[in-house]
N, C-alpha and C. Protein backbone atom coordinates (compact mmCIF):
# COMPACT_ATOMS: atom_id res chain seq x y z
N UNK A 1 16.54 -27.01 6.14
CA UNK A 1 15.97 -27.46 4.86
C UNK A 1 15.32 -26.25 4.16
N UNK A 2 15.67 -26.05 2.93
CA UNK A 2 15.17 -24.92 2.17
C UNK A 2 14.07 -25.36 1.20
N UNK A 3 12.94 -24.69 1.27
CA UNK A 3 11.87 -24.91 0.30
C UNK A 3 12.14 -23.99 -0.89
N UNK A 4 12.84 -24.50 -1.90
CA UNK A 4 13.32 -23.66 -2.99
C UNK A 4 12.18 -23.07 -3.82
N UNK A 5 11.09 -23.80 -3.96
CA UNK A 5 9.97 -23.26 -4.73
C UNK A 5 9.35 -22.06 -4.04
N UNK A 6 9.29 -22.08 -2.70
CA UNK A 6 8.76 -20.94 -1.95
C UNK A 6 9.68 -19.73 -2.09
N UNK A 7 10.98 -19.97 -2.01
CA UNK A 7 11.95 -18.88 -2.15
C UNK A 7 11.88 -18.30 -3.55
N UNK A 8 11.82 -19.16 -4.55
CA UNK A 8 11.76 -18.69 -5.94
C UNK A 8 10.50 -17.88 -6.19
N UNK A 9 9.39 -18.27 -5.61
CA UNK A 9 8.13 -17.54 -5.79
C UNK A 9 8.23 -16.15 -5.18
N UNK A 10 8.86 -16.05 -4.02
CA UNK A 10 9.01 -14.74 -3.39
C UNK A 10 9.95 -13.84 -4.19
N UNK A 11 11.02 -14.41 -4.72
CA UNK A 11 11.94 -13.62 -5.55
C UNK A 11 11.22 -13.11 -6.79
N UNK A 12 10.37 -13.92 -7.38
CA UNK A 12 9.61 -13.51 -8.55
C UNK A 12 8.64 -12.38 -8.20
N UNK A 13 7.94 -12.50 -7.09
CA UNK A 13 7.02 -11.44 -6.65
C UNK A 13 7.79 -10.16 -6.33
N UNK A 14 8.97 -10.33 -5.77
CA UNK A 14 9.81 -9.18 -5.43
C UNK A 14 10.18 -8.38 -6.67
N UNK A 15 10.42 -9.06 -7.78
CA UNK A 15 10.76 -8.36 -9.02
C UNK A 15 9.61 -7.45 -9.46
N UNK A 16 8.39 -7.91 -9.31
CA UNK A 16 7.22 -7.08 -9.64
C UNK A 16 7.11 -5.90 -8.70
N UNK A 17 7.36 -6.15 -7.42
CA UNK A 17 7.33 -5.09 -6.40
C UNK A 17 8.38 -4.03 -6.71
N UNK A 18 9.59 -4.46 -7.02
CA UNK A 18 10.67 -3.53 -7.35
C UNK A 18 10.32 -2.70 -8.58
N UNK A 19 9.77 -3.37 -9.57
CA UNK A 19 9.44 -2.69 -10.83
C UNK A 19 8.48 -1.53 -10.57
N UNK A 20 7.47 -1.78 -9.74
CA UNK A 20 6.50 -0.72 -9.46
C UNK A 20 7.09 0.39 -8.59
N UNK A 21 7.96 0.02 -7.67
CA UNK A 21 8.64 1.03 -6.86
C UNK A 21 9.46 1.96 -7.77
N UNK A 22 10.22 1.35 -8.66
CA UNK A 22 11.08 2.14 -9.55
C UNK A 22 10.25 3.01 -10.48
N UNK A 23 9.15 2.47 -10.99
CA UNK A 23 8.29 3.25 -11.87
C UNK A 23 7.72 4.46 -11.14
N UNK A 24 7.29 4.26 -9.91
CA UNK A 24 6.76 5.39 -9.12
C UNK A 24 7.84 6.43 -8.86
N UNK A 25 9.03 5.97 -8.52
CA UNK A 25 10.12 6.91 -8.25
C UNK A 25 10.56 7.64 -9.52
N UNK A 26 10.56 6.93 -10.64
CA UNK A 26 10.97 7.56 -11.90
C UNK A 26 9.98 8.62 -12.36
N UNK A 27 8.73 8.47 -11.95
CA UNK A 27 7.72 9.47 -12.32
C UNK A 27 7.79 10.71 -11.43
N UNK A 28 8.60 10.63 -10.39
CA UNK A 28 8.70 11.73 -9.44
C UNK A 28 9.87 12.63 -9.80
N UNK A 29 9.61 13.91 -9.85
CA UNK A 29 10.66 14.87 -10.16
C UNK A 29 11.47 15.16 -8.89
N UNK A 30 12.73 14.73 -8.91
CA UNK A 30 13.62 14.93 -7.76
C UNK A 30 14.36 16.25 -7.93
N UNK A 31 14.45 17.06 -6.89
CA UNK A 31 15.17 18.34 -7.00
C UNK A 31 16.61 18.13 -7.47
N UNK A 32 17.11 19.05 -8.27
CA UNK A 32 18.48 18.96 -8.77
C UNK A 32 19.40 19.81 -7.89
N UNK A 33 19.77 19.25 -6.75
CA UNK A 33 20.71 19.92 -5.85
C UNK A 33 21.60 18.87 -5.21
N UNK A 34 22.64 19.31 -4.53
CA UNK A 34 23.62 18.37 -3.98
C UNK A 34 22.99 17.37 -3.01
N UNK A 35 22.13 17.87 -2.13
CA UNK A 35 21.51 17.00 -1.14
C UNK A 35 20.64 15.93 -1.80
N UNK A 36 19.78 16.35 -2.71
CA UNK A 36 18.89 15.39 -3.38
C UNK A 36 19.67 14.40 -4.22
N UNK A 37 20.77 14.85 -4.82
CA UNK A 37 21.60 13.94 -5.61
C UNK A 37 22.21 12.86 -4.73
N UNK A 38 22.67 13.22 -3.53
CA UNK A 38 23.22 12.23 -2.61
C UNK A 38 22.14 11.26 -2.14
N UNK A 39 20.95 11.78 -1.85
CA UNK A 39 19.84 10.93 -1.43
C UNK A 39 19.49 9.93 -2.54
N UNK A 40 19.50 10.39 -3.78
CA UNK A 40 19.22 9.51 -4.92
C UNK A 40 20.33 8.49 -5.10
N UNK A 41 21.59 8.89 -4.88
CA UNK A 41 22.71 7.94 -4.97
C UNK A 41 22.58 6.84 -3.93
N UNK A 42 22.21 7.23 -2.70
CA UNK A 42 22.03 6.24 -1.64
C UNK A 42 20.87 5.30 -1.97
N UNK A 43 19.81 5.86 -2.54
CA UNK A 43 18.66 5.05 -3.00
C UNK A 43 19.13 3.97 -3.98
N UNK A 44 19.96 4.37 -4.95
CA UNK A 44 20.48 3.41 -5.92
C UNK A 44 21.30 2.32 -5.25
N UNK A 45 22.08 2.70 -4.23
CA UNK A 45 22.91 1.72 -3.52
C UNK A 45 22.05 0.72 -2.75
N UNK A 46 20.99 1.20 -2.11
CA UNK A 46 20.08 0.30 -1.40
C UNK A 46 19.46 -0.71 -2.37
N UNK A 47 19.06 -0.23 -3.54
CA UNK A 47 18.51 -1.14 -4.56
C UNK A 47 19.56 -2.12 -5.07
N UNK A 48 20.77 -1.62 -5.27
CA UNK A 48 21.84 -2.51 -5.76
C UNK A 48 22.11 -3.63 -4.76
N UNK A 49 22.16 -3.29 -3.48
CA UNK A 49 22.35 -4.32 -2.47
C UNK A 49 21.19 -5.31 -2.47
N UNK A 50 19.98 -4.81 -2.68
CA UNK A 50 18.82 -5.70 -2.75
C UNK A 50 18.93 -6.67 -3.91
N UNK A 51 19.35 -6.16 -5.06
CA UNK A 51 19.55 -7.04 -6.22
C UNK A 51 20.57 -8.12 -5.90
N UNK A 52 21.63 -7.73 -5.20
CA UNK A 52 22.67 -8.70 -4.83
C UNK A 52 22.12 -9.75 -3.87
N UNK A 53 21.35 -9.31 -2.87
CA UNK A 53 20.75 -10.26 -1.92
C UNK A 53 19.91 -11.29 -2.65
N UNK A 54 19.08 -10.82 -3.58
CA UNK A 54 18.21 -11.74 -4.32
C UNK A 54 19.01 -12.70 -5.20
N UNK A 55 20.03 -12.18 -5.89
CA UNK A 55 20.85 -13.04 -6.75
C UNK A 55 21.62 -14.07 -5.93
N UNK A 56 22.15 -13.64 -4.80
CA UNK A 56 22.90 -14.57 -3.95
C UNK A 56 22.00 -15.66 -3.39
N UNK A 57 20.80 -15.27 -2.94
CA UNK A 57 19.87 -16.28 -2.40
C UNK A 57 19.41 -17.22 -3.50
N UNK A 58 19.15 -16.68 -4.69
CA UNK A 58 18.73 -17.53 -5.81
C UNK A 58 19.79 -18.57 -6.15
N UNK A 59 21.05 -18.26 -5.85
CA UNK A 59 22.15 -19.18 -6.13
C UNK A 59 22.64 -19.89 -4.87
N UNK A 60 21.81 -19.88 -3.82
CA UNK A 60 22.05 -20.55 -2.53
C UNK A 60 23.34 -20.08 -1.85
N UNK A 61 23.74 -18.84 -2.09
CA UNK A 61 24.91 -18.26 -1.42
C UNK A 61 24.41 -17.45 -0.22
N UNK A 62 23.88 -18.17 0.76
CA UNK A 62 23.13 -17.53 1.83
C UNK A 62 24.01 -16.71 2.78
N UNK A 63 25.19 -17.22 3.10
CA UNK A 63 26.06 -16.50 4.03
C UNK A 63 26.39 -15.11 3.50
N UNK A 64 26.78 -15.04 2.25
CA UNK A 64 27.13 -13.74 1.65
C UNK A 64 25.89 -12.86 1.51
N UNK A 65 24.74 -13.47 1.25
CA UNK A 65 23.50 -12.71 1.14
C UNK A 65 23.21 -11.97 2.45
N UNK A 66 23.41 -12.65 3.57
CA UNK A 66 23.14 -11.99 4.86
C UNK A 66 24.15 -10.89 5.16
N UNK A 67 25.39 -11.07 4.72
CA UNK A 67 26.38 -10.01 4.90
C UNK A 67 26.00 -8.78 4.07
N UNK A 68 25.55 -8.99 2.85
CA UNK A 68 25.15 -7.86 1.98
C UNK A 68 23.87 -7.21 2.51
N UNK A 69 22.99 -8.00 3.09
CA UNK A 69 21.77 -7.45 3.69
C UNK A 69 22.12 -6.43 4.76
N UNK A 70 23.16 -6.70 5.54
CA UNK A 70 23.60 -5.72 6.55
C UNK A 70 24.06 -4.42 5.86
N UNK A 71 24.75 -4.54 4.74
CA UNK A 71 25.19 -3.35 3.99
C UNK A 71 23.99 -2.56 3.46
N UNK A 72 22.95 -3.28 3.07
CA UNK A 72 21.75 -2.61 2.59
C UNK A 72 21.12 -1.75 3.68
N UNK A 73 21.08 -2.29 4.89
CA UNK A 73 20.56 -1.52 6.03
C UNK A 73 21.40 -0.27 6.28
N UNK A 74 22.72 -0.44 6.28
CA UNK A 74 23.60 0.71 6.51
C UNK A 74 23.38 1.79 5.45
N UNK A 75 23.18 1.38 4.20
CA UNK A 75 22.96 2.35 3.13
C UNK A 75 21.65 3.11 3.33
N UNK A 76 20.62 2.41 3.82
CA UNK A 76 19.35 3.08 4.10
C UNK A 76 19.51 4.09 5.23
N UNK A 77 20.20 3.71 6.29
CA UNK A 77 20.41 4.64 7.40
C UNK A 77 21.14 5.88 6.91
N UNK A 78 22.14 5.69 6.05
CA UNK A 78 22.87 6.85 5.51
C UNK A 78 21.91 7.74 4.70
N UNK A 79 21.06 7.14 3.91
CA UNK A 79 20.12 7.94 3.10
C UNK A 79 19.18 8.75 3.98
N UNK A 80 18.63 8.11 5.00
CA UNK A 80 17.71 8.79 5.90
C UNK A 80 18.43 9.89 6.68
N UNK A 81 19.67 9.63 7.06
CA UNK A 81 20.49 10.65 7.73
C UNK A 81 20.70 11.85 6.80
N UNK A 82 20.97 11.59 5.53
CA UNK A 82 21.13 12.67 4.56
C UNK A 82 19.85 13.50 4.45
N UNK A 83 18.71 12.82 4.51
CA UNK A 83 17.42 13.49 4.36
C UNK A 83 17.10 14.37 5.57
N UNK A 84 17.31 13.85 6.77
CA UNK A 84 16.80 14.54 7.96
C UNK A 84 17.86 15.24 8.83
N UNK A 85 19.12 14.86 8.69
CA UNK A 85 20.12 15.34 9.65
C UNK A 85 21.25 16.13 9.01
N UNK A 86 21.79 15.65 7.92
CA UNK A 86 23.02 16.21 7.36
C UNK A 86 22.91 17.72 7.14
N UNK A 87 23.96 18.45 7.56
CA UNK A 87 24.00 19.89 7.38
C UNK A 87 24.44 20.24 5.97
N UNK A 88 24.29 21.49 5.61
CA UNK A 88 24.76 21.94 4.29
C UNK A 88 26.25 21.66 4.13
N UNK A 89 27.00 21.86 5.21
CA UNK A 89 28.44 21.59 5.17
C UNK A 89 28.72 20.11 4.95
N UNK A 90 27.95 19.24 5.63
CA UNK A 90 28.10 17.79 5.44
C UNK A 90 27.83 17.42 3.98
N UNK A 91 26.76 17.97 3.44
CA UNK A 91 26.37 17.66 2.06
C UNK A 91 27.46 18.10 1.09
N UNK A 92 27.99 19.29 1.32
CA UNK A 92 29.03 19.81 0.44
C UNK A 92 30.28 18.93 0.48
N UNK A 93 30.66 18.51 1.67
CA UNK A 93 31.86 17.67 1.80
C UNK A 93 31.66 16.30 1.14
N UNK A 94 30.47 15.73 1.31
CA UNK A 94 30.20 14.41 0.71
C UNK A 94 30.04 14.49 -0.81
N UNK A 95 29.81 15.69 -1.31
CA UNK A 95 29.65 15.89 -2.76
C UNK A 95 30.95 16.30 -3.44
N UNK A 96 32.02 16.43 -2.66
CA UNK A 96 33.29 16.88 -3.22
C UNK A 96 33.92 15.79 -4.08
N UNK A 97 34.82 16.16 -5.00
CA UNK A 97 35.49 15.15 -5.84
C UNK A 97 36.23 14.12 -4.99
N UNK A 98 36.30 12.89 -5.47
CA UNK A 98 36.94 11.82 -4.72
C UNK A 98 38.45 11.89 -4.91
N UNK A 99 39.12 12.47 -3.94
CA UNK A 99 40.58 12.50 -3.90
C UNK A 99 41.01 11.91 -2.57
N UNK A 100 42.28 11.57 -2.44
CA UNK A 100 42.75 11.00 -1.17
C UNK A 100 42.59 12.00 -0.03
N UNK A 101 42.81 13.27 -0.32
CA UNK A 101 42.68 14.29 0.72
C UNK A 101 41.22 14.45 1.15
N UNK A 102 40.32 14.53 0.17
CA UNK A 102 38.90 14.67 0.51
C UNK A 102 38.38 13.43 1.24
N UNK A 103 38.82 12.26 0.80
CA UNK A 103 38.38 11.02 1.45
C UNK A 103 38.83 10.99 2.91
N UNK A 104 40.08 11.37 3.16
CA UNK A 104 40.59 11.37 4.53
C UNK A 104 39.84 12.39 5.38
N UNK A 105 39.55 13.55 4.78
CA UNK A 105 38.82 14.59 5.50
C UNK A 105 37.43 14.11 5.91
N UNK A 106 36.72 13.46 4.99
CA UNK A 106 35.38 12.96 5.28
C UNK A 106 35.44 11.84 6.32
N UNK A 107 36.43 10.95 6.18
CA UNK A 107 36.55 9.83 7.13
C UNK A 107 36.79 10.31 8.55
N UNK A 108 37.32 11.51 8.69
CA UNK A 108 37.60 12.04 10.03
C UNK A 108 36.34 12.47 10.78
N UNK A 109 35.24 12.71 10.05
CA UNK A 109 34.05 13.21 10.74
C UNK A 109 32.76 12.46 10.42
N UNK A 110 32.73 11.72 9.33
CA UNK A 110 31.45 11.12 8.91
C UNK A 110 30.94 10.16 9.99
N UNK A 111 29.67 10.28 10.38
CA UNK A 111 29.17 9.46 11.50
C UNK A 111 28.98 7.99 11.12
N UNK A 112 29.20 7.14 12.08
CA UNK A 112 28.93 5.71 11.92
C UNK A 112 27.42 5.47 11.93
N UNK A 113 27.02 4.24 11.68
CA UNK A 113 25.60 3.90 11.74
C UNK A 113 25.04 4.18 13.13
N UNK A 114 25.77 3.80 14.18
CA UNK A 114 25.31 4.06 15.55
C UNK A 114 25.14 5.55 15.81
N UNK A 115 26.10 6.35 15.36
CA UNK A 115 26.04 7.79 15.56
C UNK A 115 24.89 8.41 14.78
N UNK A 116 24.67 7.92 13.57
CA UNK A 116 23.56 8.45 12.77
C UNK A 116 22.22 8.14 13.43
N UNK A 117 22.09 6.95 14.01
CA UNK A 117 20.84 6.60 14.68
C UNK A 117 20.57 7.51 15.88
N UNK A 118 21.62 7.85 16.62
CA UNK A 118 21.45 8.77 17.74
C UNK A 118 20.95 10.13 17.26
N UNK A 119 21.48 10.59 16.14
CA UNK A 119 21.05 11.88 15.59
C UNK A 119 19.64 11.80 15.01
N UNK A 120 19.32 10.66 14.40
CA UNK A 120 17.98 10.48 13.83
C UNK A 120 16.91 10.42 14.92
N UNK A 121 17.28 9.93 16.09
CA UNK A 121 16.32 9.89 17.19
C UNK A 121 15.79 11.29 17.50
N UNK A 122 16.62 12.30 17.30
CA UNK A 122 16.24 13.67 17.61
C UNK A 122 15.56 14.38 16.44
N UNK A 123 15.81 13.94 15.20
CA UNK A 123 15.37 14.73 14.06
C UNK A 123 14.46 14.01 13.07
N UNK A 124 14.46 12.70 13.07
CA UNK A 124 13.62 11.96 12.11
C UNK A 124 12.24 11.71 12.70
N UNK A 125 11.24 11.43 11.87
CA UNK A 125 9.92 11.03 12.40
C UNK A 125 10.07 9.84 13.35
N UNK A 126 9.32 9.87 14.43
CA UNK A 126 9.48 8.87 15.49
C UNK A 126 9.26 7.45 14.98
N UNK A 127 8.26 7.26 14.13
CA UNK A 127 7.97 5.93 13.62
C UNK A 127 9.11 5.38 12.77
N UNK A 128 9.69 6.24 11.95
CA UNK A 128 10.81 5.82 11.10
C UNK A 128 12.02 5.48 11.96
N UNK A 129 12.31 6.34 12.92
CA UNK A 129 13.44 6.06 13.81
C UNK A 129 13.26 4.72 14.53
N UNK A 130 12.06 4.44 15.00
CA UNK A 130 11.82 3.20 15.75
C UNK A 130 12.09 1.97 14.88
N UNK A 131 11.68 2.03 13.61
CA UNK A 131 11.92 0.90 12.71
C UNK A 131 13.41 0.66 12.54
N UNK A 132 14.16 1.75 12.29
CA UNK A 132 15.60 1.62 12.09
C UNK A 132 16.30 1.17 13.37
N UNK A 133 15.85 1.71 14.50
CA UNK A 133 16.46 1.35 15.78
C UNK A 133 16.16 -0.10 16.16
N UNK A 134 14.92 -0.52 15.95
CA UNK A 134 14.55 -1.90 16.27
C UNK A 134 15.33 -2.89 15.43
N UNK A 135 15.53 -2.54 14.16
CA UNK A 135 16.32 -3.42 13.28
C UNK A 135 17.70 -3.63 13.86
N UNK A 136 18.33 -2.55 14.28
CA UNK A 136 19.67 -2.66 14.85
C UNK A 136 19.65 -3.47 16.13
N UNK A 137 18.65 -3.22 16.98
CA UNK A 137 18.57 -3.92 18.26
C UNK A 137 18.45 -5.42 18.09
N UNK A 138 17.59 -5.83 17.16
CA UNK A 138 17.26 -7.26 17.05
C UNK A 138 18.05 -8.01 15.98
N UNK A 139 18.69 -7.31 15.05
CA UNK A 139 19.31 -8.00 13.91
C UNK A 139 20.80 -7.73 13.74
N UNK A 140 21.29 -6.60 14.23
CA UNK A 140 22.64 -6.19 13.85
C UNK A 140 23.73 -7.14 14.34
N UNK A 141 23.60 -7.67 15.57
CA UNK A 141 24.65 -8.55 16.08
C UNK A 141 24.79 -9.80 15.23
N UNK A 142 23.65 -10.39 14.89
CA UNK A 142 23.70 -11.60 14.05
C UNK A 142 24.25 -11.28 12.66
N UNK A 143 23.80 -10.16 12.07
CA UNK A 143 24.27 -9.81 10.74
C UNK A 143 25.75 -9.44 10.75
N UNK A 144 26.21 -8.76 11.80
CA UNK A 144 27.63 -8.48 11.92
C UNK A 144 28.45 -9.76 11.95
N UNK A 145 27.87 -10.78 12.56
CA UNK A 145 28.55 -12.07 12.62
C UNK A 145 28.74 -12.65 11.22
N UNK A 146 27.78 -12.43 10.35
CA UNK A 146 27.94 -12.90 8.96
C UNK A 146 28.97 -12.06 8.21
N UNK A 147 29.03 -10.77 8.50
CA UNK A 147 30.02 -9.90 7.86
C UNK A 147 31.43 -10.30 8.27
N UNK A 148 31.60 -10.64 9.55
CA UNK A 148 32.94 -10.86 10.10
C UNK A 148 33.25 -12.34 10.37
N UNK A 149 32.42 -13.24 9.81
CA UNK A 149 32.62 -14.68 9.96
C UNK A 149 32.69 -15.07 11.44
N UNK A 150 31.67 -14.64 12.16
CA UNK A 150 31.55 -14.99 13.57
C UNK A 150 30.76 -16.27 13.77
N UNK A 151 30.23 -16.45 14.97
CA UNK A 151 29.59 -17.72 15.32
C UNK A 151 28.34 -18.01 14.49
N UNK A 152 27.57 -16.96 14.17
CA UNK A 152 26.37 -17.19 13.36
C UNK A 152 26.73 -17.73 11.98
N UNK A 153 27.73 -17.10 11.36
CA UNK A 153 28.13 -17.54 10.02
C UNK A 153 28.69 -18.96 10.06
N UNK A 154 29.55 -19.23 11.03
CA UNK A 154 30.17 -20.56 11.11
C UNK A 154 29.14 -21.64 11.44
N UNK A 155 28.21 -21.32 12.35
CA UNK A 155 27.19 -22.30 12.73
C UNK A 155 26.25 -22.61 11.57
N UNK A 156 25.86 -21.56 10.83
CA UNK A 156 24.96 -21.79 9.70
C UNK A 156 25.66 -22.55 8.58
N UNK A 157 26.93 -22.29 8.38
CA UNK A 157 27.67 -23.05 7.37
C UNK A 157 27.75 -24.52 7.76
N UNK A 158 27.83 -24.79 9.05
CA UNK A 158 27.89 -26.17 9.54
C UNK A 158 26.52 -26.84 9.54
N UNK A 159 25.51 -26.12 10.08
CA UNK A 159 24.21 -26.74 10.32
C UNK A 159 23.20 -26.48 9.20
N UNK A 160 23.47 -25.49 8.35
CA UNK A 160 22.57 -25.17 7.26
C UNK A 160 21.56 -24.08 7.64
N UNK A 161 20.93 -23.55 6.61
CA UNK A 161 19.90 -22.53 6.78
C UNK A 161 18.53 -23.20 6.67
N UNK A 162 17.49 -22.45 7.01
CA UNK A 162 16.14 -23.00 6.88
C UNK A 162 15.25 -21.98 6.17
N UNK A 163 14.17 -22.47 5.59
CA UNK A 163 13.33 -21.63 4.72
C UNK A 163 12.81 -20.38 5.41
N UNK A 164 12.33 -20.52 6.64
CA UNK A 164 11.76 -19.37 7.34
C UNK A 164 12.75 -18.24 7.46
N UNK A 165 14.00 -18.56 7.71
CA UNK A 165 15.04 -17.54 7.84
C UNK A 165 15.28 -16.82 6.52
N UNK A 166 15.38 -17.58 5.44
CA UNK A 166 15.66 -17.00 4.13
C UNK A 166 14.48 -16.16 3.65
N UNK A 167 13.28 -16.65 3.86
CA UNK A 167 12.08 -15.89 3.48
C UNK A 167 12.03 -14.59 4.27
N UNK A 168 12.35 -14.65 5.56
CA UNK A 168 12.34 -13.45 6.40
C UNK A 168 13.36 -12.43 5.91
N UNK A 169 14.55 -12.88 5.53
CA UNK A 169 15.58 -11.96 5.03
C UNK A 169 15.12 -11.29 3.75
N UNK A 170 14.54 -12.05 2.84
CA UNK A 170 14.05 -11.47 1.59
C UNK A 170 12.97 -10.42 1.86
N UNK A 171 12.06 -10.72 2.76
CA UNK A 171 10.98 -9.77 3.05
C UNK A 171 11.52 -8.52 3.76
N UNK A 172 12.46 -8.71 4.69
CA UNK A 172 13.04 -7.55 5.36
C UNK A 172 13.86 -6.70 4.40
N UNK A 173 14.52 -7.34 3.47
CA UNK A 173 15.24 -6.60 2.43
C UNK A 173 14.27 -5.76 1.61
N UNK A 174 13.11 -6.32 1.33
CA UNK A 174 12.07 -5.58 0.61
C UNK A 174 11.53 -4.42 1.46
N UNK A 175 11.44 -4.62 2.77
CA UNK A 175 11.06 -3.51 3.66
C UNK A 175 12.02 -2.33 3.47
N UNK A 176 13.31 -2.62 3.39
CA UNK A 176 14.30 -1.57 3.22
C UNK A 176 14.12 -0.88 1.86
N UNK A 177 13.77 -1.65 0.85
CA UNK A 177 13.47 -1.05 -0.47
C UNK A 177 12.30 -0.08 -0.38
N UNK A 178 11.28 -0.49 0.32
CA UNK A 178 10.09 0.36 0.46
C UNK A 178 10.46 1.65 1.19
N UNK A 179 11.28 1.53 2.22
CA UNK A 179 11.66 2.71 2.99
C UNK A 179 12.57 3.64 2.21
N UNK A 180 13.50 3.09 1.42
CA UNK A 180 14.38 3.96 0.64
C UNK A 180 13.60 4.68 -0.45
N UNK A 181 12.57 4.02 -0.98
CA UNK A 181 11.71 4.67 -1.98
C UNK A 181 10.92 5.80 -1.35
N UNK A 182 10.42 5.56 -0.15
CA UNK A 182 9.70 6.61 0.56
C UNK A 182 10.60 7.81 0.84
N UNK A 183 11.83 7.55 1.25
CA UNK A 183 12.76 8.65 1.53
C UNK A 183 13.00 9.48 0.27
N UNK A 184 13.12 8.81 -0.87
CA UNK A 184 13.36 9.53 -2.12
C UNK A 184 12.20 10.43 -2.48
N UNK A 185 10.96 9.91 -2.39
CA UNK A 185 9.81 10.71 -2.79
C UNK A 185 9.46 11.76 -1.74
N UNK A 186 9.77 11.48 -0.47
CA UNK A 186 9.58 12.52 0.56
C UNK A 186 10.47 13.72 0.25
N UNK A 187 11.69 13.45 -0.17
CA UNK A 187 12.61 14.53 -0.52
C UNK A 187 12.07 15.37 -1.68
N UNK A 188 11.31 14.74 -2.57
CA UNK A 188 10.76 15.46 -3.72
C UNK A 188 9.66 16.43 -3.32
N UNK A 189 9.00 16.16 -2.19
CA UNK A 189 7.89 16.99 -1.76
C UNK A 189 6.58 16.67 -2.46
N UNK A 190 6.57 15.62 -3.29
CA UNK A 190 5.39 15.24 -4.06
C UNK A 190 4.54 14.28 -3.23
N UNK A 191 3.45 14.79 -2.64
CA UNK A 191 2.63 13.97 -1.75
C UNK A 191 1.92 12.84 -2.48
N UNK A 192 1.59 13.05 -3.75
CA UNK A 192 0.96 11.98 -4.53
C UNK A 192 1.90 10.80 -4.66
N UNK A 193 3.17 11.09 -4.94
CA UNK A 193 4.17 10.02 -5.05
C UNK A 193 4.35 9.31 -3.72
N UNK A 194 4.35 10.07 -2.63
CA UNK A 194 4.48 9.46 -1.31
C UNK A 194 3.33 8.48 -1.06
N UNK A 195 2.12 8.91 -1.35
CA UNK A 195 0.95 8.05 -1.14
C UNK A 195 0.99 6.83 -2.05
N UNK A 196 1.46 7.01 -3.29
CA UNK A 196 1.56 5.89 -4.22
C UNK A 196 2.53 4.82 -3.72
N UNK A 197 3.66 5.27 -3.17
CA UNK A 197 4.64 4.32 -2.64
C UNK A 197 4.08 3.61 -1.41
N UNK A 198 3.41 4.35 -0.55
CA UNK A 198 2.79 3.73 0.63
C UNK A 198 1.78 2.66 0.22
N UNK A 199 1.00 2.95 -0.81
CA UNK A 199 -0.03 2.01 -1.26
C UNK A 199 0.55 0.70 -1.77
N UNK A 200 1.79 0.74 -2.25
CA UNK A 200 2.40 -0.48 -2.77
C UNK A 200 2.60 -1.53 -1.68
N UNK A 201 2.70 -1.10 -0.44
CA UNK A 201 2.80 -2.08 0.65
C UNK A 201 1.50 -2.87 0.79
N UNK A 202 0.39 -2.25 0.40
CA UNK A 202 -0.90 -2.94 0.45
C UNK A 202 -1.11 -3.83 -0.77
N UNK A 203 -0.48 -3.43 -1.89
CA UNK A 203 -0.61 -4.21 -3.12
C UNK A 203 0.28 -5.46 -3.10
N UNK A 204 1.42 -5.38 -2.39
CA UNK A 204 2.37 -6.50 -2.36
C UNK A 204 2.65 -6.95 -0.93
N UNK A 205 1.62 -7.26 -0.14
CA UNK A 205 1.87 -7.64 1.27
C UNK A 205 2.70 -8.92 1.39
N UNK A 206 2.61 -9.79 0.38
CA UNK A 206 3.35 -11.05 0.44
C UNK A 206 4.86 -10.84 0.32
N UNK A 207 5.26 -9.65 -0.15
CA UNK A 207 6.69 -9.35 -0.34
C UNK A 207 7.32 -8.72 0.90
N UNK A 208 6.52 -8.33 1.86
CA UNK A 208 7.02 -7.54 2.98
C UNK A 208 6.83 -8.24 4.32
N UNK A 209 7.69 -7.87 5.25
CA UNK A 209 7.57 -8.37 6.62
C UNK A 209 6.82 -7.28 7.39
N UNK A 210 5.49 -7.37 7.38
CA UNK A 210 4.64 -6.33 7.95
C UNK A 210 4.31 -6.62 9.40
N UNK A 211 4.26 -5.56 10.18
CA UNK A 211 3.88 -5.70 11.59
C UNK A 211 2.48 -6.24 11.69
N UNK A 212 2.30 -7.20 12.57
CA UNK A 212 0.98 -7.80 12.74
C UNK A 212 0.11 -6.92 13.64
């Protein structure tokens, strides 16, 4: 059973949260180089997936919303990998023009989400790595089931969703937004912007799935 008024209220609060995140990021001067451009592109993709999750949930398309939520996580992992791990050669290859030859070349070496997490364990801040790793440990199998129409997707289509699950997905999606914004401003080197983005978690606690 879905409490639609509760879901609608969270989506409305999320719009305010997003607006402030974007305003903070827009006030931050991002370096104009290949690496920073890719990080910014990944940031946009994480936000785009978030918009899709919210629109799908608002229209009660819950199965597809959970599949897109998995894509949002993957986009965040890619962004963080670009920030902390990717070599100059990796950046150059990913910034090359989109041709069939370049695409095949990149597909031959670009790391999967699992491979990126292994690399991030060695190079990313420990706290950030733990959040990304825990998400995969506790959520990825179920979310993969929604992507590939496995037992979770089929069972939920048969038995229905419930409010707590949908609220949790919305809040976790917002967590990913907060993290992608942090990655963007960390890349800028602007500590004021970093602190401003961190503070937004305190201003909008109702929008986030915060550790107790």
